C-alpha atoms as a PDB file:
ATOM      1  CA  MET A   1     -59.305   1.883  -6.142  1.00  0.00           C
ATOM      2  CA  LYS A   2     -61.129   0.108  -3.349  1.00  0.00           C
ATOM      3  CA  LYS A   3     -64.907   0.084  -3.148  1.00  0.00           C
ATOM      4  CA  SER A   4     -64.917   2.065   0.124  1.00  0.00           C
ATOM      5  CA  ASP A   5     -62.749   4.768  -1.464  1.00  0.00           C
ATOM      6  CA  PHE A   6     -65.029   4.941  -4.467  1.00  0.00           C
ATOM      7  CA  MET A   7     -68.160   5.345  -2.280  1.00  0.00           C
ATOM      8  CA  ARG A   8     -66.567   8.522  -0.844  1.00  0.00           C
ATOM      9  CA  THR A   9     -66.182  10.181  -4.247  1.00  0.00           C
ATOM     10  CA  GLU A  10     -68.545  12.551  -5.975  1.00  0.00           C
ATOM     11  CA  LEU A  11     -71.140  10.430  -7.850  1.00  0.00           C
ATOM     12  CA  ILE A  12     -72.780  13.253  -9.766  1.00  0.00           C
ATOM     13  CA  GLY A  13     -71.635  13.074 -13.396  1.00  0.00           C
ATOM     14  CA  MET A  14     -70.790   9.375 -13.336  1.00  0.00           C
ATOM     15  CA  GLU A  15     -72.256   6.719 -15.592  1.00  0.00           C
ATOM     16  CA  VAL A  16     -74.620   4.439 -13.656  1.00  0.00           C
ATOM     17  CA  GLU A  17     -76.805   1.397 -14.343  1.00  0.00           C
ATOM     18  CA  VAL A  18     -79.679   0.361 -12.102  1.00  0.00           C
ATOM     19  CA  LEU A  19     -79.553  -3.364 -11.548  1.00  0.00           C
ATOM     20  CA  SER A  20     -82.251  -4.553  -9.172  1.00  0.00           C
ATOM     21  CA  ALA A  21     -85.645  -2.922  -9.150  1.00  0.00           C
ATOM     22  CA  PRO A  22     -88.106  -4.228 -11.774  1.00  0.00           C
ATOM     23  CA  CYS A  23     -89.515  -0.801 -12.587  1.00  0.00           C
ATOM     24  CA  TYR A  24     -85.990   0.650 -13.095  1.00  0.00           C
ATOM     25  CA  ALA A  25     -84.345  -2.539 -14.353  1.00  0.00           C
ATOM     26  CA  TRP A  26     -81.352  -1.974 -16.574  1.00  0.00           C
ATOM     27  CA  MET A  27     -81.905   1.766 -16.722  1.00  0.00           C
ATOM     28  CA  ALA A  28     -78.644   3.406 -17.547  1.00  0.00           C
ATOM     29  CA  GLY A  29     -77.468   6.969 -17.787  1.00  0.00           C
ATOM     30  CA  ARG A  30     -75.579   9.721 -15.995  1.00  0.00           C
ATOM     31  CA  VAL A  31     -76.202  10.815 -12.404  1.00  0.00           C
ATOM     32  CA  VAL A  32     -77.274  14.465 -12.527  1.00  0.00           C
ATOM     33  CA  ASP A  33     -78.404  14.949  -8.912  1.00  0.00           C
ATOM     34  CA  GLU A  34     -78.189  13.134  -5.597  1.00  0.00           C
ATOM     35  CA  THR A  35     -80.087  13.470  -2.333  1.00  0.00           C
ATOM     36  CA  LYS A  36     -79.913  11.385   0.828  1.00  0.00           C
ATOM     37  CA  ASN A  37     -82.461   8.907  -0.528  1.00  0.00           C
ATOM     38  CA  THR A  38     -82.390   9.241  -4.326  1.00  0.00           C
ATOM     39  CA  PHE A  39     -80.342   9.588  -7.507  1.00  0.00           C
ATOM     40  CA  THR A  40     -81.663  11.528 -10.524  1.00  0.00           C
ATOM     41  CA  VAL A  41     -80.472   9.718 -13.620  1.00  0.00           C
ATOM     42  CA  ALA A  42     -80.504  11.326 -17.087  1.00  0.00           C
ATOM     43  CA  THR A  43     -81.146   8.716 -19.761  1.00  0.00           C
ATOM     44  CA  ALA A  44     -81.304   9.182 -23.508  1.00  0.00           C
ATOM     45  CA  ARG A  45     -85.030   9.945 -23.210  1.00  0.00           C
ATOM     46  CA  SER A  46     -85.612  11.620 -19.855  1.00  0.00           C
ATOM     47  CA  GLU A  47     -84.536  12.177 -16.269  1.00  0.00           C
ATOM     48  CA  ARG A  48     -85.820   9.757 -13.648  1.00  0.00           C
ATOM     49  CA  MET A  49     -85.552   9.812  -9.911  1.00  0.00           C
ATOM     50  CA  VAL A  50     -84.434   6.394  -8.510  1.00  0.00           C
ATOM     51  CA  PRO A  51     -84.574   5.561  -4.812  1.00  0.00           C
ATOM     52  CA  LYS A  52     -81.289   4.341  -3.319  1.00  0.00           C
ATOM     53  CA  LYS A  53     -82.940   1.994  -0.808  1.00  0.00           C
ATOM     54  CA  GLY A  54     -83.737  -1.424  -2.278  1.00  0.00           C
ATOM     55  CA  ASN A  55     -81.664  -0.934  -5.443  1.00  0.00           C
ATOM     56  CA  GLU A  56     -78.228  -1.842  -6.622  1.00  0.00           C
ATOM     57  CA  PHE A  57     -76.192   0.394  -8.855  1.00  0.00           C
ATOM     58  CA  ARG A  58     -73.267  -0.294 -11.145  1.00  0.00           C
ATOM     59  CA  PHE A  59     -70.957   2.719 -11.543  1.00  0.00           C
ATOM     60  CA  SER A  60     -68.203   2.998 -14.158  1.00  0.00           C
ATOM     61  CA  HIS A  61     -65.171   5.045 -13.040  1.00  0.00           C
ATOM     62  CA  LEU A  62     -61.627   5.089 -14.459  1.00  0.00           C
ATOM     63  CA  ASN A  63     -62.129   1.832 -16.439  1.00  0.00           C
ATOM     64  CA  GLU A  64     -63.375   0.062 -13.287  1.00  0.00           C
ATOM     65  CA  GLU A  65     -66.893  -1.036 -12.347  1.00  0.00           C
ATOM     66  CA  PHE A  66     -68.317  -0.916  -8.837  1.00  0.00           C
ATOM     67  CA  VAL A  67     -71.615  -2.541  -7.764  1.00  0.00           C
ATOM     68  CA  ILE A  68     -73.032  -0.741  -4.761  1.00  0.00           C
ATOM     69  CA  ALA A  69     -76.172  -1.388  -2.812  1.00  0.00           C
ATOM     70  CA  GLY A  70     -78.160   1.792  -2.319  1.00  0.00           C
ATOM     71  CA  SER A  71     -78.438   1.050   1.416  1.00  0.00           C
ATOM     72  CA  GLU A  72     -74.646   1.383   1.680  1.00  0.00           C
ATOM     73  CA  ILE A  73     -74.787   5.018   0.543  1.00  0.00           C
ATOM     74  CA  LEU A  74     -77.973   6.221   2.224  1.00  0.00           C
ATOM     75  CA  HIS A  75     -76.372   9.494   3.300  1.00  0.00           C
ATOM     76  CA  ARG A  76     -76.441  13.028   2.064  1.00  0.00           C
ATOM     77  CA  PRO A  77     -73.639  13.478  -0.477  1.00  0.00           C
ATOM     78  CA  GLU A  78     -71.733  15.834   1.837  1.00  0.00           C
ATOM     79  CA  ASP A  79     -71.994  13.388   4.791  1.00  0.00           C
ATOM     80  CA  ARG A  80     -71.026  10.250   2.822  1.00  0.00           C
ATOM     81  CA  ILE A  81     -67.311  11.160   3.039  1.00  0.00           C
ATOM     82  CA  LYS A  82     -67.409  10.946   6.809  1.00  0.00           C
ATOM     83  CA  LYS A  83     -69.859   8.045   7.260  1.00  0.00           C
ATOM     84  CA  VAL A  84     -68.784   5.436   4.677  1.00  0.00           C
ATOM     85  CA  ARG A  85     -66.104   3.070   5.966  1.00  0.00           C
END
């Protein structure tokens, strides 16, 4: 699967790891909600809202890993299918 195809898929329910921001560094869990600007990630201890802008995310999907900059997917989930190229 190509990265652009992956970015058009539903991200809620996927395993994710936050790579870049110091205050969220190496936080890992499952995406439970998504808005235009944020992901809500459920970890073993709590749910945390993570801004997309300024962060990188590593998603695991079908035995593949994709590293995506949050700025690449700054769209509402329903609009991402049309806007991501």
